[in-house]
Every structure is written in C-alpha cells, then in structure tokens.
Amino acid sequence: MKNRMPKRWGRPIFGGILLAVLPAISQGTEPASSAKAEKSRLEVATAGSGTTSLPLLVALEGGYFTKRGLSVSVNQLGATVAVQGVVSGTIDIYQGGTAAIAANLAGADIIYVAAPVDRNSLILFGQKGVTSFESLRGKSIATTFPGAFGEIAVRMTAKKYGMEVGKDIKLLFHRSSPEALSTLLAGNADALIISPPQSELAKQKGYPVIIDYYKEGLKIVGPGTAVTREFFQKYPNTIKAYLMAYLDGLKRAIEDEDFARKIDTKYTKISDPKILAENYQQGLRVWNKDMTVDPAAIRVVLEDSADPKAKSADPKRFYDNSLIEAVNREYASKLFPGEVK
C-alpha cells in the first residue's frame, strides 16, 4: 500500500493555501546571544495535530521560527513514515513519540534532544457498558500505530492484570487518531485508547472512561524532539534556535488562549467551544516548560515494548540533554523565571 500524501503545514503550504505569518508576535524576552544557525530550512514531522502539538503550531503561525532565521515546514505524517524520513534525511526533526525509541532499537541512530511533553494524556474508553479493563479479555482495542503510546500503555496495563496483548487482547492499529475513533464509533472495536482532541469527542458521545492515564501518572516522552545523532552533532545551533522558537510558541500558547484556540481550530477542524476549551486545559496540564528528557519516561517504554532487545537497553542511549540544558540556562530560565533553571 502506498503512503498517503502528508498534510503539509506552515511555510509554504497548508491545504494548498499560502499561510501568512500573523502579525501579533510577542515582545517578551529576547533570545539569548547564540551562534548563527548552521541550517536555515527545516522539515519537521509530527504524528498529529492534537493538543500536544499546539505550541509547535503556535510557534509556526506566530512567526517565532522566522524570527530566529528559520524557515520551517511542518508535515503531519504517520509515526513510521516520519521516522523513516528522519533516517533518510528527508525529515530533519520528528516531533513524536515512541516510534523514535523503536527505530533506535532497530538500529537507527535517533535520539531525543528535548521533551516538550512527557505526561501522558491517553484515555482508554470502552463501548457503552464496558467499564473495566478485565472485561476486555478476548476483546479488541482500537489504537494508532504499532509501538506508539497506545500499544505501550495497553501492554503495561495488561501485564498488571495478568493478561497479554495478542493472546488475551487484540489491538486494532490505525494510521491516525481520527481513524481509530471512527472504528469505535462504528462498533468495530470494543474499546479505544486515544488522546485529545479525539478523547474529548469520545467523552462528548458518552463512551465510558476505563482508565485516564494522566490521573494514573503515566510518563512517556511524546511528543519528543527527535533527530539523528549525526544531525545533532552537525547542527547544534540550529537545534537550539528551533527549541527557543518552540518555547516562544509555548509562552504565547499559555498567555494567549484565544490565539491558541484559533490555531487549534485551524488544524483540527474542531469548532465546538466546549471541546476546544477542554483541549486547551489538557494542554496546560502536560506542556513542559523545562523540556529536559527524563530517563524514567523512556524506561517505561523499554519495559513494556514488544521488542526483545528493549528490556536490556540503557535509557541513556536514547537521548542527549546537553542542548536543551544550554537552552534552559540561556533562555528558558528567563522566559519562565522561577520555573526553569
């Protein structure tokens, strides 16, 4: 099967329409002095347009990348396709989740350089009348890609209840969150594990919550900022400029809810004010101001991965915090005083 054409956002095209850089750019803390970016154009892939990606899209639409001399295009791609793009060099940065870990385990030298989000907002829903994980024995759960957050969380929970994915529970994989939601709505899955905004749509339709993984305290890096180690070594100043622009977008998203919700509507096509408000509040709960990668959030993935090499792997091989630590010292600590050191 051929890959579907990606959704291309930002500079230069979204849906065939040229995007104008909006004039309302924050006049907050100016960038710390830093060396010029080695690379001015970046291709960035993200696995979705949901709440966790909103600061990135705010940074794009607010002109914060341009402010730092970067021309950034954001493409929505499936996780596997995105990682393949990073490996081949057609994608520079992947703002995504556990697919980067899976690719590293398979031999690709991909690492996280920052963790914009690591507090998971997944929710496991059941069909109406299905309210416990135990009742899913012998049944199916709709989710996104193999190796993504949904699979990791279900494997972790299944182990807790003495069950096994593939034996006691069947996972139904999809190319996107909306497709997974559609499978539940059509009655072709007994449950669904999903994050905002699709989780808010499922709540609105009255599907019962079996597990709220945010309340459970699940930490998994995602979206993380992932690059090849070669890119990391060759373009450190570019990555720092990218991370600072992202932080500008984060600050704008936090301080300008109206603007953030307009961007959310544009990319998710959701216009319901109640759902948008819930999405925004979910974002405030999980967006990191200190984007240092926590090895514990990687260890969770390794412990519940289907890859036999995962359990013996050292979490340190999957990330390098040196650039985000420099950005924290030079910039984030000034942008968010008292919250980032």
Protein backbone atom coordinates (compact mmCIF):
# COMPACT_ATOMS: atom_id res chain seq x y z
CA MET A 1 0.00 0.00 0.00
CA LYS A 2 1.32 3.40 -0.93
CA ASN A 3 1.67 6.01 1.79
CA ARG A 4 -0.94 8.73 1.72
CA MET A 5 0.25 12.21 0.92
CA PRO A 6 1.13 14.01 4.16
CA LYS A 7 -0.68 17.01 5.48
CA ARG A 8 1.74 19.85 4.91
CA TRP A 9 1.58 22.77 7.28
CA GLY A 10 3.22 26.09 7.52
CA ARG A 11 5.77 27.53 5.25
CA PRO A 12 4.91 27.31 2.43
CA ILE A 13 1.59 25.44 2.12
CA PHE A 14 -1.40 24.23 4.15
CA GLY A 15 -4.18 22.65 2.15
CA GLY A 16 -2.96 24.47 -0.96
CA ILE A 17 -3.30 27.88 0.69
CA LEU A 18 -0.36 30.14 1.38
CA LEU A 19 -0.09 30.82 5.10
CA ALA A 20 0.53 34.38 6.16
CA VAL A 21 2.67 34.98 9.22
CA LEU A 22 0.35 36.56 11.74
CA PRO A 23 1.48 39.99 12.94
CA ALA A 24 0.82 39.50 16.65
CA ILE A 25 4.26 38.38 17.79
CA SER A 26 5.09 38.52 21.49
CA GLN A 27 7.51 41.21 22.52
CA GLY A 28 8.71 39.23 25.53
CA THR A 29 12.18 38.09 26.43
CA GLU A 30 14.60 38.47 23.54
CA PRO A 31 16.72 35.47 22.52
CA ALA A 32 19.96 34.89 24.35
CA SER A 33 23.03 35.60 22.26
CA SER A 34 23.96 32.49 20.30
CA ALA A 35 25.89 31.44 17.22
CA LYS A 36 24.11 31.58 13.88
CA ALA A 37 22.10 28.53 12.90
CA GLU A 38 24.09 26.27 10.58
CA LYS A 39 20.94 25.34 8.62
CA SER A 40 18.11 27.76 7.87
CA ARG A 41 15.44 25.45 6.45
CA LEU A 42 13.93 22.63 8.50
CA GLU A 43 11.49 19.89 7.61
CA VAL A 44 9.60 18.87 10.73
CA ALA A 45 7.20 15.93 11.05
CA THR A 46 4.54 15.48 13.69
CA ALA A 47 2.29 12.49 14.21
CA GLY A 48 -0.84 14.59 14.78
CA SER A 49 -2.45 17.97 15.19
CA GLY A 50 -3.78 17.48 18.70
CA THR A 51 -3.24 19.37 21.92
CA THR A 52 0.33 18.19 22.47
CA SER A 53 1.40 19.72 19.14
CA LEU A 54 -0.32 23.07 19.72
CA PRO A 55 2.73 25.07 20.97
CA LEU A 56 4.63 23.97 17.84
CA LEU A 57 1.80 25.21 15.61
CA VAL A 58 1.53 28.45 17.59
CA ALA A 59 5.27 28.97 17.10
CA LEU A 60 4.83 28.34 13.38
CA GLU A 61 1.82 30.62 12.90
CA GLY A 62 3.14 33.29 15.26
CA GLY A 63 6.33 33.71 13.24
CA TYR A 64 8.71 32.68 16.00
CA PHE A 65 10.80 30.38 13.81
CA THR A 66 11.16 33.12 11.22
CA LYS A 67 12.25 35.49 14.00
CA ARG A 68 15.25 33.24 14.55
CA GLY A 69 16.14 32.90 10.87
CA LEU A 70 14.50 29.50 10.39
CA SER A 71 12.17 28.56 7.56
CA VAL A 72 10.16 25.67 8.97
CA SER A 73 7.67 23.35 7.26
CA VAL A 74 5.56 21.06 9.44
CA ASN A 75 4.14 17.88 7.96
CA GLN A 76 1.66 15.52 9.58
CA LEU A 77 2.91 12.00 8.92
CA GLY A 78 2.36 8.57 10.33
CA ALA A 79 4.93 7.73 13.00
CA THR A 80 6.65 5.01 10.97
CA VAL A 81 6.82 7.18 7.86
CA ALA A 82 8.16 10.11 9.88
CA VAL A 83 10.94 8.06 11.43
CA GLN A 84 11.86 6.64 8.02
CA GLY A 85 12.10 10.23 6.80
CA VAL A 86 14.44 11.17 9.66
CA VAL A 87 16.66 8.18 8.90
CA SER A 88 16.77 9.01 5.16
CA GLY A 89 17.37 12.72 5.79
CA THR A 90 14.16 13.97 4.13
CA ILE A 91 12.86 14.95 7.59
CA ASP A 92 15.14 16.90 9.93
CA ILE A 93 13.13 16.77 13.17
CA TYR A 94 10.40 14.42 14.36
CA GLN A 95 8.07 15.82 17.00
CA GLY A 96 6.65 12.49 18.02
CA GLY A 97 6.64 9.67 20.48
CA THR A 98 7.83 6.13 20.97
CA ALA A 99 8.47 5.39 17.30
CA ALA A 100 11.85 7.07 17.79
CA ILE A 101 12.71 4.54 20.51
CA ALA A 102 11.54 1.64 18.34
CA ALA A 103 13.70 2.90 15.46
CA ASN A 104 16.72 3.21 17.74
CA LEU A 105 16.22 -0.35 18.96
CA ALA A 106 16.08 -1.45 15.30
CA GLY A 107 19.47 0.15 14.64
CA ALA A 108 18.71 3.73 13.59
CA ASP A 109 20.81 6.30 15.48
CA ILE A 110 17.87 8.50 16.50
CA ILE A 111 17.82 10.34 19.83
CA TYR A 112 15.58 12.73 21.72
CA VAL A 113 17.04 16.18 22.29
CA ALA A 114 14.07 17.58 24.24
CA ALA A 115 10.76 16.50 25.74
CA PRO A 116 8.02 19.08 25.05
CA VAL A 117 5.55 16.62 26.63
CA ASP A 118 6.08 13.56 28.80
CA ARG A 119 2.94 13.47 30.94
CA ASN A 120 0.59 11.24 29.06
CA SER A 121 -2.99 12.27 28.33
CA LEU A 122 -4.19 8.95 26.91
CA ILE A 123 -7.65 7.73 27.89
CA LEU A 124 -8.96 4.20 27.48
CA PHE A 125 -12.66 4.18 26.57
CA GLY A 126 -14.99 1.21 26.39
CA GLN A 127 -18.08 0.66 24.32
CA LYS A 128 -21.15 1.62 26.32
CA GLY A 129 -21.49 -0.89 29.13
CA VAL A 130 -17.78 -1.82 29.11
CA THR A 131 -16.31 -0.17 32.20
CA SER A 132 -13.36 -2.31 33.38
CA PHE A 133 -10.10 -3.48 31.88
CA GLU A 134 -10.81 -7.06 32.97
CA SER A 135 -13.93 -7.09 30.80
CA LEU A 136 -11.72 -6.55 27.72
CA ARG A 137 -10.33 -10.10 27.87
CA GLY A 138 -10.91 -11.66 24.46
CA LYS A 139 -11.90 -8.30 23.00
CA SER A 140 -10.36 -5.62 20.77
CA ILE A 141 -8.93 -2.13 21.40
CA ALA A 142 -8.54 0.46 18.65
CA THR A 143 -5.31 2.46 18.72
CA THR A 144 -2.89 4.20 16.37
CA PHE A 145 0.47 2.87 15.14
CA PRO A 146 2.30 -0.23 16.38
CA GLY A 147 4.80 0.80 19.06
CA ALA A 148 3.04 4.12 19.75
CA PHE A 149 1.73 5.32 23.11
CA GLY A 150 -1.48 3.34 22.91
CA GLU A 151 0.21 -0.02 22.48
CA ILE A 152 2.75 0.68 25.23
CA ALA A 153 0.02 1.73 27.69
CA VAL A 154 -2.18 -1.28 26.89
CA ARG A 155 0.75 -3.68 27.26
CA MET A 156 1.63 -2.13 30.60
CA THR A 157 -1.95 -2.37 31.88
CA ALA A 158 -2.49 -5.87 30.51
CA LYS A 159 0.58 -7.11 32.39
CA LYS A 160 -0.81 -5.56 35.58
CA TYR A 161 -4.00 -7.63 35.15
CA GLY A 162 -2.23 -10.85 34.18
CA MET A 163 -3.16 -10.51 30.52
CA GLU A 164 -1.16 -10.40 27.32
CA VAL A 165 -1.60 -8.38 24.15
CA GLY A 166 -2.03 -10.68 21.16
CA LYS A 167 -3.26 -13.51 23.35
CA ASP A 168 -5.93 -12.04 25.62
CA ILE A 169 -6.44 -8.67 23.90
CA LYS A 170 -6.37 -7.76 20.23
CA LEU A 171 -5.04 -4.35 19.18
CA LEU A 172 -6.51 -2.78 16.06
CA PHE A 173 -3.93 -0.40 14.54
CA HIS A 174 -4.75 2.72 12.54
CA ARG A 175 -2.91 5.40 10.60
CA SER A 176 -4.36 8.22 12.70
CA SER A 177 -6.32 9.03 15.84
CA PRO A 178 -9.47 10.06 13.91
CA GLU A 179 -9.45 6.68 12.12
CA ALA A 180 -9.14 4.84 15.44
CA LEU A 181 -12.06 6.85 16.85
CA SER A 182 -14.15 6.05 13.77
CA THR A 183 -13.63 2.33 14.38
CA LEU A 184 -15.06 2.67 17.90
CA LEU A 185 -17.96 4.81 16.70
CA ALA A 186 -18.82 2.21 14.05
CA GLY A 187 -18.91 -0.51 16.71
CA ASN A 188 -15.96 -2.36 15.19
CA ALA A 189 -13.85 -2.24 18.39
CA ASP A 190 -14.73 -2.97 21.98
CA ALA A 191 -12.54 -0.15 23.29
CA LEU A 192 -10.38 2.76 22.19
CA ILE A 193 -7.17 4.23 23.62
CA ILE A 194 -6.72 7.81 22.46
CA SER A 195 -5.53 11.31 23.40
CA PRO A 196 -7.02 14.79 22.82
CA PRO A 197 -8.81 16.04 20.82
CA GLN A 198 -10.37 12.67 19.92
CA SER A 199 -10.69 11.78 23.61
CA GLU A 200 -12.90 14.82 24.13
CA LEU A 201 -15.09 13.76 21.22
CA ALA A 202 -15.44 10.27 22.75
CA LYS A 203 -16.37 11.80 26.12
CA GLN A 204 -18.94 14.02 24.46
CA LYS A 205 -20.57 10.98 22.88
CA GLY A 206 -20.87 9.29 26.26
CA TYR A 207 -18.35 6.47 25.98
CA PRO A 208 -17.28 5.35 29.48
CA VAL A 209 -13.73 6.02 30.68
CA ILE A 210 -11.97 2.86 31.79
CA ILE A 211 -8.55 4.39 32.53
CA ASP A 212 -7.35 8.01 32.49
CA TYR A 213 -3.59 7.60 32.14
CA TYR A 214 -2.87 11.19 33.13
CA LYS A 215 -4.50 10.50 36.50
CA GLU A 216 -2.52 7.27 36.67
CA GLY A 217 0.68 9.35 36.37
CA LEU A 218 1.97 7.64 33.22
CA LYS A 219 5.10 9.38 31.86
CA ILE A 220 6.15 8.69 28.28
CA VAL A 221 8.13 11.10 26.11
CA GLY A 222 5.77 12.32 23.45
CA PRO A 223 5.92 14.39 21.56
CA GLY A 224 9.67 14.44 21.97
CA THR A 225 12.04 16.32 19.69
CA ALA A 226 13.94 13.56 17.88
CA VAL A 227 16.83 13.83 15.41
CA THR A 228 19.62 11.60 14.19
CA ARG A 229 22.81 11.81 16.21
CA GLU A 230 24.59 12.97 13.06
CA PHE A 231 22.15 15.90 12.73
CA PHE A 232 22.62 16.68 16.43
CA GLN A 233 26.40 16.87 16.02
CA LYS A 234 26.31 18.80 12.73
CA TYR A 235 23.64 21.41 13.54
CA PRO A 236 23.68 22.19 17.30
CA ASN A 237 22.98 25.92 16.89
CA THR A 238 20.07 25.17 14.55
CA ILE A 239 18.54 22.84 17.11
CA LYS A 240 18.96 25.44 19.86
CA ALA A 241 17.30 28.11 17.71
CA TYR A 242 14.45 25.69 16.97
CA LEU A 243 13.97 24.91 20.67
CA MET A 244 13.96 28.58 21.62
CA ALA A 245 11.35 29.34 18.96
CA TYR A 246 9.26 26.44 20.24
CA LEU A 247 9.46 27.89 23.76
CA ASP A 248 8.29 31.24 22.40
CA GLY A 249 5.30 29.43 20.93
CA LEU A 250 4.69 27.71 24.24
CA LYS A 251 4.71 31.02 26.11
CA ARG A 252 2.31 32.52 23.56
CA ALA A 253 0.01 29.49 23.85
CA ILE A 254 -0.06 29.80 27.64
CA GLU A 255 -0.60 33.57 27.71
CA ASP A 256 -2.93 33.96 24.71
CA GLU A 257 -5.68 31.35 24.94
CA ASP A 258 -7.77 32.95 22.20
CA PHE A 259 -4.91 32.77 19.71
CA ALA A 260 -4.06 29.19 20.73
CA ARG A 261 -7.66 28.07 20.28
CA LYS A 262 -7.84 29.70 16.84
CA ILE A 263 -4.78 27.71 15.81
CA ASP A 264 -6.30 24.56 17.31
CA THR A 265 -9.46 25.08 15.26
CA LYS A 266 -7.48 25.68 12.08
CA TYR A 267 -5.54 22.44 12.27
CA THR A 268 -8.01 20.07 13.95
CA LYS A 269 -11.11 21.47 12.19
CA ILE A 270 -12.89 21.33 15.56
CA SER A 271 -15.06 24.36 16.24
CA ASP A 272 -17.06 23.25 19.29
CA PRO A 273 -16.12 25.80 22.03
CA LYS A 274 -16.52 23.22 24.81
CA ILE A 275 -14.17 20.72 23.16
CA LEU A 276 -11.66 23.45 22.34
CA ALA A 277 -11.73 24.64 25.95
CA GLU A 278 -11.17 21.08 27.22
CA ASN A 279 -8.33 20.57 24.73
CA TYR A 280 -6.66 23.76 25.90
CA GLN A 281 -6.90 22.80 29.57
CA GLN A 282 -5.42 19.39 28.71
CA GLY A 283 -2.53 21.18 27.07
CA LEU A 284 -1.86 23.36 30.09
CA ARG A 285 -1.61 20.19 32.18
CA VAL A 286 1.01 18.49 30.02
CA TRP A 287 3.11 21.11 28.19
CA ASN A 288 6.62 21.18 29.64
CA LYS A 289 8.45 24.46 30.21
CA ASP A 290 11.55 22.53 31.23
CA MET A 291 11.93 20.16 28.29
CA THR A 292 14.79 18.10 29.75
CA VAL A 293 14.31 14.43 28.88
CA ASP A 294 13.51 12.28 31.91
CA PRO A 295 15.09 8.80 31.52
CA ALA A 296 12.21 7.32 33.58
CA ALA A 297 9.83 8.28 30.75
CA ILE A 298 11.97 6.22 28.37
CA ARG A 299 12.38 3.32 30.77
CA VAL A 300 8.58 2.85 30.85
CA VAL A 301 8.59 2.29 27.09
CA LEU A 302 11.51 -0.13 27.23
CA GLU A 303 9.90 -2.20 29.96
CA ASP A 304 6.67 -2.66 28.01
CA SER A 305 7.98 -2.81 24.46
CA ALA A 306 7.36 -5.86 22.29
CA ASP A 307 10.99 -5.68 21.12
CA PRO A 308 13.04 -8.35 22.97
CA LYS A 309 16.08 -6.03 22.98
CA ALA A 310 14.23 -3.30 24.87
CA LYS A 311 14.41 -4.57 28.45
CA SER A 312 18.21 -4.73 28.48
CA ALA A 313 18.70 -1.38 26.73
CA ASP A 314 20.17 1.56 28.64
CA PRO A 315 17.76 4.57 28.57
CA LYS A 316 20.80 6.89 28.18
CA ARG A 317 21.35 5.72 24.61
CA PHE A 318 18.03 7.26 23.53
CA TYR A 319 18.61 10.92 24.45
CA ASP A 320 21.11 13.74 24.86
CA ASN A 321 20.10 16.64 27.12
CA SER A 322 23.14 18.84 26.50
CA LEU A 323 21.45 21.25 24.08
CA ILE A 324 18.19 21.65 26.00
CA GLU A 325 20.18 22.20 29.20
CA ALA A 326 22.04 25.02 27.44
CA VAL A 327 18.75 26.48 26.19
CA ASN A 328 17.36 26.29 29.72
CA ARG A 329 20.32 28.24 31.09
CA GLU A 330 20.46 30.80 28.29
CA TYR A 331 16.78 31.31 27.55
CA ALA A 332 14.04 29.22 29.18
CA SER A 333 15.10 30.32 32.67
CA LYS A 334 14.49 33.93 31.57
CA LEU A 335 11.30 33.16 29.70
CA PHE A 336 9.84 31.24 32.65
CA PRO A 337 11.68 32.64 35.72
CA GLY A 338 11.36 30.53 38.83
CA GLU A 339 10.02 27.57 36.84
CA VAL A 340 13.04 26.60 34.72
CA LYS A 341 16.63 26.62 35.96
